[in-house]
Amino acid sequence: MSTWAVLLPVAMVGTERQAPVLPEPGGAIGDLLAELAVLGDHPAQCVLQMAAVLATCAQAGVQGTAWLEPVPAAAAREVLPTVDNASAVLLLAWALRDGPQRLLPLVFQSLARKGRRLPIDLLPLALEQGRRSVALRESLQPVLGERGVWLAGQNAAWNYAFGVEAAAAEEVRWTEGSLAQRRELLREERRRNPSAARERLTGILGELPARERAELIGELATGLSMDDEALLDSLRRDRSREVKQVTLGLLQRLPDCAHVQRAQQRMQALLRQERVLLRKRWRLDAPSAVADEWKADGIEATRPTHDALGERAWWLFQVARQVPLAWWVRYTGMNPGDLVDWAISSDWADALLRAWREALAAEPEVAWCEALLDHSPKTLSADHYLAILALLPLARRERYWEKQLKEGKSRLQALVHQLLQACPPGECLSASLSLAVASAVAEAVGQHADFSNDYALRSALPELCCVLQGAALEQLPGISGEAAGKPALPELWHTLRQIIATRQALNC
């Protein structure tokens, strides 16, 4: 019978209904239990103390499975110093355990800028966070230190962080490193010697799964030139849709390549100028059929059954999305804004605007982003609006947020959600926009009669604390629930205070 067995009945029914029975494990443990039974002030306290002793002894006596493998080599000597401030370490532990995901990239980036690594005790928490979030891994890896890399190698679930030492020879990093290490190596080599990097990639493509092929092919964007055309042209026919999309996006950046030249010729055949009174204007007609040779360039004759475009619009969309955006300006003589206005007034607006959005995602251009946002806001769904907004540099995005904030056209909850969606993890808003957003949120919370029921805004506040800068954080309600006049949400106020304290302690 288990030593615990005699305590279970009394624990279940209570000491008022059944007197405690002393376990008799014997030895020093039995003597300690007997002493607790005599000295205890209350039967319930006595049961809890005996349970605590038995639990501790059980933990101390646990024997794991015998280790039959060779003992792993020791971790390399640490080069980076760790965080040594006790309060900062406690806040780090809270951020890893209970903080919002958006806070962690800020924390890791701040440590990396200071040349610091995570404390050893927090490595399992950090590695587990990286296992759950692929987006977090890039900022996490520089602060793992040698012990973190070693620890990742002992657990298959953490293999994403385990490769070889950054100083290892290139061939070792390429053959034995993680996908992230191979991507970094390929990027570095593309800067030094694009031809050698291309040959290295070509030699391994046939051995890789589709996702890894697509990610490594994407690194050809560094140092991209006409020398890469032959490889990219062969990859247009890859069996993976993801690989083909990445490849076509790269080919669009090569205006002189055969693929783009063919696309431009198809588009030119669909455009013509006509005179209206004293002015000339462009007229567009969609393809009436799909030529057999078009299929080799990824233009599908059969429209997907779920697609909203008609058949000819579907063909036009596929032709137009393969044409670089710069060609439209050069060929028509119109700027992006005028082109968007022209497309909206045509019979093929949906196909053209959709094609331009896809081309823009492959090769972002500020003028085209702003043209679509400024000239066709009514044609954009919320998702498309946010996707285009996210392609802009942060400073150019902010004028759209400030405009919405000043005009009050969007509900505050919707605006906060919008900027959180468009602001990548690890980035913060400018100081001026941070102050404006924080002030608006503080005012809204203060005026809200029943803020505890405003789930949309309430749930966004922790993440909002991760994108605001400096003094703006102090304007947010939640530094003190009582000061904000909303004491009914202690857990929320505690979370906000912890986020702010973490950012201040680590200067992130």
Protein backbone atom coordinates (compact mmCIF):
# COMPACT_ATOMS: atom_id res chain seq x y z
CA MET A 1 0.00 0.00 0.00
CA SER A 2 1.25 3.51 -0.86
CA THR A 3 2.38 5.72 2.01
CA TRP A 4 -0.10 8.28 0.69
CA ALA A 5 -3.05 5.90 1.07
CA VAL A 6 -3.72 6.59 4.76
CA LEU A 7 -3.93 10.37 4.15
CA LEU A 8 -6.31 10.26 1.20
CA PRO A 9 -9.57 9.38 3.06
CA VAL A 10 -9.20 12.13 5.62
CA ALA A 11 -8.14 14.62 2.89
CA MET A 12 -11.28 13.80 0.92
CA VAL A 13 -13.85 13.97 3.72
CA GLY A 14 -12.12 16.49 6.01
CA THR A 15 -10.56 16.28 9.46
CA GLU A 16 -13.84 17.27 11.10
CA ARG A 17 -15.40 14.01 9.94
CA GLN A 18 -12.41 11.69 10.21
CA ALA A 19 -9.36 11.85 12.44
CA PRO A 20 -5.94 11.83 10.71
CA VAL A 21 -4.05 8.52 10.64
CA LEU A 22 -0.28 8.69 10.95
CA PRO A 23 1.59 7.16 7.97
CA GLU A 24 4.35 4.78 9.08
CA PRO A 25 7.17 4.86 6.52
CA GLY A 26 9.72 4.21 9.25
CA GLY A 27 13.19 5.69 9.65
CA ALA A 28 13.92 9.42 9.88
CA ILE A 29 10.88 10.29 7.75
CA GLY A 30 8.60 8.36 10.13
CA ASP A 31 10.15 10.18 13.10
CA LEU A 32 9.50 13.57 11.45
CA LEU A 33 5.87 12.67 10.72
CA ALA A 34 5.36 11.55 14.31
CA GLU A 35 6.80 14.84 15.53
CA LEU A 36 4.44 16.81 13.27
CA ALA A 37 1.46 14.83 14.61
CA VAL A 38 2.36 15.88 18.16
CA LEU A 39 3.27 19.50 17.46
CA GLY A 40 0.50 20.38 15.00
CA ASP A 41 -1.94 23.07 16.17
CA HIS A 42 -4.84 21.76 14.09
CA PRO A 43 -5.65 18.36 12.50
CA ALA A 44 -5.99 19.89 9.02
CA GLN A 45 -2.63 21.62 9.36
CA CYS A 46 -1.12 18.35 10.49
CA VAL A 47 -2.42 16.52 7.39
CA LEU A 48 -1.08 19.21 5.05
CA GLN A 49 2.33 19.24 6.70
CA MET A 50 2.63 15.45 6.49
CA ALA A 51 1.58 15.58 2.83
CA ALA A 52 4.24 18.22 2.17
CA VAL A 53 6.94 16.05 3.74
CA LEU A 54 5.89 12.97 1.78
CA ALA A 55 5.67 14.91 -1.51
CA THR A 56 9.15 16.34 -1.04
CA CYS A 57 10.60 12.94 -0.21
CA ALA A 58 8.86 11.40 -3.22
CA GLN A 59 10.37 14.01 -5.51
CA ALA A 60 13.82 13.51 -4.01
CA GLY A 61 13.57 9.77 -4.44
CA VAL A 62 12.43 9.75 -8.08
CA GLN A 63 14.67 7.74 -10.36
CA GLY A 64 14.47 8.47 -14.06
CA THR A 65 14.95 6.08 -16.94
CA ALA A 66 18.50 4.84 -17.23
CA TRP A 67 20.56 6.84 -19.76
CA LEU A 68 22.04 4.40 -22.26
CA GLU A 69 23.44 6.86 -24.79
CA PRO A 70 26.91 8.42 -24.67
CA VAL A 71 27.14 11.44 -22.41
CA PRO A 72 26.74 14.59 -24.56
CA ALA A 73 29.77 16.80 -24.98
CA ALA A 74 29.77 19.85 -22.75
CA ALA A 75 28.50 23.17 -24.06
CA ALA A 76 31.04 25.59 -25.42
CA ARG A 77 32.27 28.33 -23.14
CA GLU A 78 29.92 31.31 -23.00
CA VAL A 79 31.10 34.48 -24.71
CA LEU A 80 28.22 36.83 -23.97
CA PRO A 81 27.44 38.02 -20.44
CA THR A 82 23.99 37.28 -19.06
CA VAL A 83 21.38 39.49 -17.41
CA ASP A 84 22.51 39.88 -13.81
CA ASN A 85 19.96 42.31 -12.38
CA ALA A 86 17.68 40.31 -10.06
CA SER A 87 14.52 42.33 -10.71
CA ALA A 88 15.12 42.25 -14.46
CA VAL A 89 15.50 38.46 -14.32
CA LEU A 90 12.18 38.16 -12.48
CA LEU A 91 10.49 40.31 -15.11
CA LEU A 92 12.10 38.24 -17.87
CA ALA A 93 10.73 35.09 -16.30
CA TRP A 94 7.25 36.63 -16.14
CA ALA A 95 7.44 37.74 -19.78
CA LEU A 96 8.40 34.22 -20.91
CA ARG A 97 5.80 32.52 -18.76
CA ASP A 98 2.80 34.89 -18.81
CA GLY A 99 3.58 37.87 -21.05
CA PRO A 100 2.00 38.50 -24.46
CA GLN A 101 3.80 37.07 -27.48
CA ARG A 102 4.38 40.55 -28.90
CA LEU A 103 6.50 41.48 -25.88
CA LEU A 104 9.10 38.74 -26.42
CA PRO A 105 10.68 40.02 -29.67
CA LEU A 106 11.17 43.41 -28.01
CA VAL A 107 12.86 41.73 -25.05
CA PHE A 108 15.12 39.53 -27.17
CA GLN A 109 16.07 42.37 -29.52
CA SER A 110 16.96 44.58 -26.57
CA LEU A 111 19.19 41.88 -25.08
CA ALA A 112 20.87 41.32 -28.46
CA ARG A 113 21.59 45.04 -28.89
CA LYS A 114 23.28 45.07 -25.50
CA GLY A 115 25.27 41.92 -26.26
CA ARG A 116 23.52 39.95 -23.50
CA ARG A 117 22.14 36.42 -23.37
CA LEU A 118 19.26 34.90 -21.46
CA PRO A 119 19.92 33.55 -17.96
CA ILE A 120 20.50 29.79 -17.96
CA ASP A 121 17.47 29.07 -15.76
CA LEU A 122 15.16 30.68 -18.33
CA LEU A 123 16.45 28.80 -21.37
CA PRO A 124 13.84 25.99 -21.23
CA LEU A 125 11.02 28.55 -21.09
CA ALA A 126 12.50 30.51 -24.00
CA LEU A 127 13.11 27.43 -26.15
CA GLU A 128 9.58 26.25 -25.53
CA GLN A 129 8.23 29.64 -26.62
CA GLY A 130 10.27 29.34 -29.80
CA ARG A 131 8.84 25.88 -30.41
CA ARG A 132 5.33 27.31 -30.27
CA SER A 133 6.02 30.37 -32.42
CA VAL A 134 8.08 30.22 -35.62
CA ALA A 135 7.95 34.02 -35.87
CA LEU A 136 9.80 34.31 -32.55
CA ARG A 137 12.81 32.21 -33.50
CA GLU A 138 14.79 34.80 -35.43
CA SER A 139 14.96 37.20 -32.47
CA LEU A 140 15.42 34.39 -29.93
CA GLN A 141 18.43 32.62 -31.42
CA PRO A 142 21.00 35.46 -30.92
CA VAL A 143 20.34 35.52 -27.15
CA LEU A 144 20.40 31.77 -26.42
CA GLY A 145 24.13 31.68 -25.85
CA GLU A 146 26.21 28.53 -26.15
CA ARG A 147 24.30 26.78 -23.38
CA GLY A 148 20.98 27.47 -25.11
CA VAL A 149 22.20 25.98 -28.38
CA TRP A 150 23.58 22.97 -26.49
CA LEU A 151 20.30 22.50 -24.60
CA ALA A 152 18.31 22.67 -27.85
CA GLY A 153 20.39 19.80 -29.15
CA GLN A 154 19.25 17.56 -26.29
CA ASN A 155 15.54 17.88 -27.12
CA ALA A 156 14.11 17.03 -30.53
CA ALA A 157 11.28 19.53 -29.99
CA TRP A 158 13.86 22.35 -29.84
CA ASN A 159 15.88 21.32 -32.87
CA TYR A 160 14.88 24.53 -34.64
CA ALA A 161 17.49 26.31 -32.51
CA PHE A 162 20.13 23.62 -32.72
CA GLY A 163 22.62 23.74 -35.50
CA VAL A 164 26.32 24.21 -35.43
CA GLU A 165 28.40 27.04 -34.03
CA ALA A 166 28.11 30.25 -35.98
CA ALA A 167 31.88 30.23 -36.44
CA ALA A 168 31.88 26.77 -38.00
CA ALA A 169 33.11 26.30 -41.55
CA GLU A 170 30.59 27.17 -44.26
CA GLU A 171 30.34 23.60 -45.52
CA VAL A 172 29.54 22.34 -42.03
CA ARG A 173 26.92 25.03 -41.52
CA TRP A 174 25.39 24.18 -44.89
CA THR A 175 25.24 20.42 -44.46
CA GLU A 176 24.57 20.18 -40.73
CA GLY A 177 23.01 23.50 -39.78
CA SER A 178 19.37 24.39 -39.30
CA LEU A 179 17.22 25.88 -42.07
CA ALA A 180 17.68 29.34 -40.53
CA GLN A 181 21.48 28.89 -40.59
CA ARG A 182 21.44 27.75 -44.21
CA ARG A 183 19.29 30.71 -45.18
CA GLU A 184 21.68 33.09 -43.44
CA LEU A 185 24.70 31.45 -45.05
CA LEU A 186 23.11 31.64 -48.49
CA ARG A 187 22.24 35.31 -47.94
CA GLU A 188 25.79 36.10 -46.87
CA GLU A 189 27.27 34.26 -49.84
CA ARG A 190 24.88 36.00 -52.25
CA ARG A 191 26.32 39.31 -51.09
CA ARG A 192 29.91 38.14 -51.68
CA ASN A 193 29.58 35.75 -54.60
CA PRO A 194 26.10 35.37 -56.11
CA SER A 195 27.24 32.74 -58.62
CA ALA A 196 28.74 30.44 -55.96
CA ALA A 197 25.63 30.76 -53.81
CA ARG A 198 23.41 29.89 -56.76
CA GLU A 199 25.48 26.77 -57.49
CA ARG A 200 25.33 25.77 -53.84
CA LEU A 201 21.54 26.08 -53.86
CA THR A 202 21.16 24.22 -57.16
CA GLY A 203 23.06 21.27 -55.79
CA ILE A 204 20.66 20.68 -52.91
CA LEU A 205 17.23 21.65 -54.30
CA GLY A 206 16.32 18.14 -55.41
CA GLU A 207 16.74 16.82 -51.85
CA LEU A 208 14.54 19.36 -50.06
CA PRO A 209 10.81 19.41 -49.19
CA ALA A 210 8.71 22.11 -50.82
CA ARG A 211 8.69 24.55 -47.89
CA GLU A 212 12.46 24.52 -47.53
CA ARG A 213 12.92 24.86 -51.31
CA ALA A 214 10.68 27.93 -51.30
CA GLU A 215 12.47 29.56 -48.36
CA LEU A 216 15.95 29.01 -49.78
CA ILE A 217 14.94 30.11 -53.28
CA GLY A 218 13.65 33.32 -51.73
CA GLU A 219 17.22 34.18 -50.68
CA LEU A 220 18.11 34.66 -54.36
CA ALA A 221 16.49 38.09 -53.96
CA THR A 222 19.85 39.19 -52.54
CA GLY A 223 22.10 40.01 -55.49
CA LEU A 224 19.39 39.00 -57.98
CA SER A 225 20.51 39.39 -61.61
CA MET A 226 19.98 38.02 -65.09
CA ASP A 227 22.53 35.33 -64.25
CA ASP A 228 19.79 33.73 -62.13
CA GLU A 229 17.29 33.57 -64.99
CA ALA A 230 18.07 30.02 -66.11
CA LEU A 231 17.60 28.54 -62.64
CA LEU A 232 14.43 30.54 -61.97
CA ASP A 233 13.01 29.68 -65.37
CA SER A 234 13.41 25.98 -64.61
CA LEU A 235 11.73 26.41 -61.22
CA ARG A 236 8.60 27.91 -62.81
CA ARG A 237 7.58 24.32 -63.48
CA ASP A 238 8.26 23.06 -59.95
CA ARG A 239 5.61 20.70 -58.58
CA SER A 240 5.09 22.96 -55.54
CA ARG A 241 2.70 25.90 -55.86
CA GLU A 242 4.61 27.74 -53.13
CA VAL A 243 7.90 27.36 -55.00
CA LYS A 244 6.31 28.59 -58.23
CA GLN A 245 4.91 31.67 -56.49
CA VAL A 246 8.29 32.59 -55.01
CA THR A 247 9.97 32.00 -58.37
CA LEU A 248 7.51 34.12 -60.34
CA GLY A 249 7.91 36.91 -57.80
CA LEU A 250 11.68 36.88 -58.37
CA LEU A 251 11.33 36.77 -62.14
CA GLN A 252 9.16 39.89 -61.98
CA ARG A 253 12.18 41.73 -60.61
CA LEU A 254 14.09 40.92 -63.80
CA PRO A 255 12.36 43.09 -66.44
CA ASP A 256 14.67 41.83 -69.20
CA CYS A 257 14.09 38.12 -68.60
CA ALA A 258 12.20 36.10 -71.20
CA HIS A 259 9.29 35.34 -68.87
CA VAL A 260 8.60 39.02 -68.16
CA GLN A 261 9.08 39.96 -71.81
CA ARG A 262 6.43 37.42 -72.81
CA ALA A 263 4.07 38.74 -70.12
CA GLN A 264 4.56 42.32 -71.30
CA GLN A 265 3.90 41.35 -74.91
CA ARG A 266 0.64 39.68 -73.91
CA MET A 267 -0.39 42.76 -71.98
CA GLN A 268 0.52 45.11 -74.82
CA ALA A 269 -1.71 43.13 -77.16
CA LEU A 270 -4.65 43.83 -74.84
CA LEU A 271 -4.03 47.60 -74.59
CA ARG A 272 -4.72 50.25 -77.18
CA GLN A 273 -5.08 54.01 -77.26
CA GLU A 274 -8.18 55.69 -78.57
CA ARG A 275 -8.95 59.37 -79.12
CA VAL A 276 -11.83 60.97 -77.23
CA LEU A 277 -12.35 64.54 -78.44
CA LEU A 278 -8.92 66.15 -78.06
CA ARG A 279 -7.50 63.60 -75.66
CA LYS A 280 -6.16 60.10 -75.95
CA ARG A 281 -6.99 57.43 -73.43
CA TRP A 282 -6.05 53.84 -72.91
CA ARG A 283 -8.55 51.08 -73.47
CA LEU A 284 -8.13 47.56 -72.15
CA ASP A 285 -9.75 44.36 -73.36
CA ALA A 286 -9.47 40.99 -71.60
CA PRO A 287 -8.15 37.90 -73.44
CA SER A 288 -10.79 35.99 -75.38
CA ALA A 289 -8.89 32.69 -75.01
CA VAL A 290 -5.78 31.18 -73.44
CA ALA A 291 -3.13 30.19 -75.95
CA ASP A 292 -1.47 26.81 -75.44
CA GLU A 293 1.96 28.37 -74.92
CA TRP A 294 0.62 30.49 -72.07
CA LYS A 295 0.19 27.43 -69.88
CA ALA A 296 3.96 26.99 -69.60
CA ASP A 297 4.06 30.40 -67.90
CA GLY A 298 1.53 29.37 -65.27
CA ILE A 299 -1.59 30.88 -66.84
CA GLU A 300 -4.45 28.47 -66.23
CA ALA A 301 -7.33 28.25 -68.67
CA THR A 302 -9.79 26.81 -66.15
CA ARG A 303 -11.13 29.30 -63.63
CA PRO A 304 -11.44 27.94 -60.07
CA THR A 305 -15.07 27.33 -59.25
CA HIS A 306 -14.92 29.44 -56.10
CA ASP A 307 -13.29 32.46 -57.77
CA ALA A 308 -15.36 35.65 -57.97
CA LEU A 309 -13.90 36.74 -61.32
CA GLY A 310 -15.53 35.80 -64.59
CA GLU A 311 -13.65 33.63 -67.08
CA ARG A 312 -12.11 36.41 -69.19
CA ALA A 313 -11.37 38.51 -66.08
CA TRP A 314 -9.60 35.47 -64.61
CA TRP A 315 -7.38 35.22 -67.68
CA LEU A 316 -6.67 38.97 -67.59
CA PHE A 317 -5.80 38.81 -63.91
CA GLN A 318 -3.24 36.05 -64.52
CA VAL A 319 -1.60 37.93 -67.39
CA ALA A 320 -1.51 41.26 -65.52
CA ARG A 321 -0.04 39.91 -62.30
CA GLN A 322 3.05 38.68 -64.19
CA VAL A 323 3.86 42.17 -65.47
CA PRO A 324 6.14 44.33 -63.26
CA LEU A 325 4.40 47.40 -61.87
CA ALA A 326 7.09 49.68 -63.30
CA TRP A 327 6.13 48.57 -66.80
CA TRP A 328 2.63 50.06 -66.47
CA VAL A 329 4.07 53.48 -65.66
CA ARG A 330 6.66 53.29 -68.43
CA TYR A 331 4.30 51.97 -71.11
CA THR A 332 1.21 54.11 -70.43
CA GLY A 333 2.92 57.28 -69.20
CA MET A 334 0.57 57.42 -66.21
CA ASN A 335 1.66 57.51 -62.56
CA PRO A 336 0.39 54.86 -60.11
CA GLY A 337 -2.43 57.05 -58.82
CA ASP A 338 -3.70 57.81 -62.33
CA LEU A 339 -3.42 54.13 -63.25
CA VAL A 340 -5.56 53.13 -60.26
CA ASP A 341 -8.20 55.73 -61.21
CA TRP A 342 -8.13 54.47 -64.82
CA ALA A 343 -8.50 50.84 -63.70
CA ILE A 344 -11.49 51.67 -61.47
CA SER A 345 -13.27 53.36 -64.40
CA SER A 346 -12.63 50.39 -66.72
CA ASP A 347 -14.71 47.25 -67.23
CA TRP A 348 -11.98 45.11 -65.68
CA ALA A 349 -11.35 46.88 -62.38
CA ASP A 350 -11.51 43.80 -60.15
CA ALA A 351 -9.04 41.84 -62.26
CA LEU A 352 -6.54 44.70 -62.60
CA LEU A 353 -6.58 45.82 -58.97
CA ARG A 354 -6.24 42.25 -57.78
CA ALA A 355 -3.30 41.67 -60.15
CA TRP A 356 -1.59 44.82 -58.95
CA ARG A 357 -2.04 43.84 -55.32
CA GLU A 358 -0.35 40.50 -55.98
CA ALA A 359 2.47 42.11 -57.96
CA LEU A 360 2.90 44.60 -55.13
CA ALA A 361 3.23 41.81 -52.57
CA ALA A 362 6.03 40.28 -54.67
CA GLU A 363 7.87 43.59 -55.08
CA PRO A 364 6.62 46.34 -52.73
CA GLU A 365 6.75 49.92 -54.05
CA VAL A 366 5.73 52.85 -51.87
CA ALA A 367 4.10 54.83 -54.70
CA TRP A 368 1.89 51.89 -55.67
CA CYS A 369 0.96 51.12 -52.05
CA GLU A 370 -0.16 54.69 -51.49
CA ALA A 371 -1.95 54.83 -54.83
CA LEU A 372 -4.07 51.80 -53.95
CA LEU A 373 -4.71 53.07 -50.41
CA ASP A 374 -5.56 56.64 -51.47
CA HIS A 375 -7.38 56.09 -54.77
CA SER A 376 -9.24 52.85 -54.21
CA PRO A 377 -10.13 52.56 -50.51
CA LYS A 378 -13.70 51.50 -51.32
CA THR A 379 -12.48 48.61 -53.47
CA LEU A 380 -10.27 47.19 -50.71
CA SER A 381 -11.50 44.73 -48.14
CA ALA A 382 -10.22 45.21 -44.60
CA ASP A 383 -7.73 42.36 -45.13
CA HIS A 384 -6.41 43.82 -48.39
CA TYR A 385 -6.15 47.28 -46.83
CA LEU A 386 -4.09 45.92 -43.95
CA ALA A 387 -1.94 43.79 -46.25
CA ILE A 388 -1.01 46.80 -48.39
CA LEU A 389 -0.52 49.01 -45.35
CA ALA A 390 1.93 46.47 -43.95
CA LEU A 391 4.09 46.77 -47.09
CA LEU A 392 4.79 50.44 -46.40
CA PRO A 393 7.71 51.58 -44.25
CA LEU A 394 6.47 52.22 -40.73
CA ALA A 395 6.73 56.00 -41.04
CA ARG A 396 4.59 56.00 -44.20
CA ARG A 397 1.99 53.76 -42.57
CA GLU A 398 1.48 56.09 -39.68
CA ARG A 399 -0.17 58.90 -41.62
CA TYR A 400 -3.06 56.55 -42.41
CA TRP A 401 -3.47 55.67 -38.75
CA GLU A 402 -3.24 59.32 -37.68
CA LYS A 403 -5.81 60.28 -40.29
CA GLN A 404 -8.25 57.67 -39.02
CA LEU A 405 -7.63 58.76 -35.42
CA LYS A 406 -8.23 62.45 -36.16
CA GLU A 407 -11.24 61.95 -38.39
CA GLY A 408 -12.83 59.45 -36.03
CA LYS A 409 -14.04 57.42 -38.99
CA SER A 410 -13.10 54.14 -37.34
CA ARG A 411 -14.13 52.95 -33.92
CA LEU A 412 -11.16 53.05 -31.57
CA GLN A 413 -11.31 49.29 -31.04
CA ALA A 414 -11.13 48.73 -34.81
CA LEU A 415 -8.25 51.19 -35.19
CA VAL A 416 -6.24 49.58 -32.40
CA HIS A 417 -6.82 46.17 -33.96
CA GLN A 418 -5.76 47.55 -37.33
CA LEU A 419 -2.45 48.99 -36.21
CA LEU A 420 -1.65 45.87 -34.16
CA GLN A 421 -2.25 43.74 -37.24
CA ALA A 422 -0.12 45.97 -39.46
CA CYS A 423 2.71 46.61 -36.99
CA PRO A 424 5.10 43.63 -37.14
CA PRO A 425 6.25 42.06 -33.86
CA GLY A 426 9.40 43.75 -32.67
CA GLU A 427 8.46 47.17 -34.07
CA CYS A 428 6.98 50.16 -32.25
CA LEU A 429 4.98 53.17 -33.35
CA SER A 430 6.57 56.61 -33.50
CA ALA A 431 6.60 58.73 -30.35
CA SER A 432 3.96 61.13 -31.69
CA LEU A 433 1.53 58.43 -32.80
CA SER A 434 2.16 56.49 -29.59
CA LEU A 435 1.11 59.52 -27.54
CA ALA A 436 -1.99 60.09 -29.69
CA VAL A 437 -3.12 56.47 -29.46
CA ALA A 438 -2.43 56.22 -25.72
CA SER A 439 -4.33 59.45 -25.07
CA ALA A 440 -7.32 58.25 -27.09
CA VAL A 441 -7.36 54.90 -25.30
CA ALA A 442 -7.05 56.50 -21.86
CA GLU A 443 -9.91 58.87 -22.65
CA ALA A 444 -12.08 56.07 -24.01
CA VAL A 445 -11.51 53.88 -20.95
CA GLY A 446 -12.16 56.76 -18.58
CA GLN A 447 -15.46 57.61 -20.27
CA HIS A 448 -16.60 54.02 -20.71
CA ALA A 449 -19.38 53.33 -18.25
CA ASP A 450 -18.79 49.59 -18.28
CA PHE A 451 -15.25 49.05 -19.60
CA SER A 452 -15.11 45.53 -18.17
CA ASN A 453 -17.64 44.45 -20.82
CA ASP A 454 -15.72 46.05 -23.72
CA TYR A 455 -13.85 42.86 -24.51
CA ALA A 456 -12.41 44.05 -27.85
CA LEU A 457 -10.56 47.05 -26.41
CA ARG A 458 -9.78 45.38 -23.10
CA SER A 459 -8.15 42.36 -24.74
CA ALA A 460 -6.06 44.59 -27.03
CA LEU A 461 -4.46 46.64 -24.25
CA PRO A 462 -1.62 44.19 -23.38
CA GLU A 463 -0.47 44.04 -27.01
CA LEU A 464 -0.91 47.79 -27.34
CA CYS A 465 1.53 48.22 -24.46
CA CYS A 466 4.08 46.41 -26.65
CA VAL A 467 3.92 48.83 -29.60
CA LEU A 468 3.83 52.20 -27.83
CA GLN A 469 6.94 54.16 -27.00
CA GLY A 470 8.30 55.80 -23.87
CA ALA A 471 6.11 58.40 -22.24
CA ALA A 472 3.02 57.10 -24.02
CA LEU A 473 3.04 54.00 -21.80
CA GLU A 474 2.48 56.14 -18.74
CA GLN A 475 -0.75 57.54 -20.21
CA LEU A 476 -2.33 54.13 -20.47
CA PRO A 477 -4.85 53.14 -17.82
CA GLY A 478 -3.70 50.13 -15.91
CA ILE A 479 -0.55 51.49 -14.27
CA SER A 480 -2.98 51.73 -11.40
CA GLY A 481 -6.48 50.34 -11.67
CA GLU A 482 -7.62 52.64 -8.90
CA ALA A 483 -6.17 55.71 -10.64
CA ALA A 484 -7.95 54.71 -13.83
CA GLY A 485 -11.18 54.41 -11.86
CA LYS A 486 -11.64 50.81 -12.98
CA PRO A 487 -10.63 48.61 -10.03
CA ALA A 488 -12.76 45.69 -11.21
CA LEU A 489 -10.08 44.25 -13.53
CA PRO A 490 -7.09 43.58 -11.26
CA GLU A 491 -5.63 40.89 -13.52
CA LEU A 492 -5.58 43.23 -16.53
CA TRP A 493 -4.05 46.10 -14.58
CA HIS A 494 -1.40 43.74 -13.19
CA THR A 495 -0.54 42.52 -16.70
CA LEU A 496 -0.20 46.05 -18.03
CA ARG A 497 2.01 47.09 -15.12
CA GLN A 498 4.22 44.05 -15.65
CA ILE A 499 4.62 44.76 -19.37
CA ILE A 500 5.53 48.38 -18.71
CA ALA A 501 7.96 47.42 -15.93
CA THR A 502 9.60 44.81 -18.18
CA ARG A 503 10.07 47.27 -21.02
CA GLN A 504 11.46 49.91 -18.70
CA ALA A 505 13.83 47.51 -16.95
CA LEU A 506 15.21 46.19 -20.25
CA ASN A 507 14.95 49.46 -22.19
CA CYS A 508 12.91 47.87 -24.96
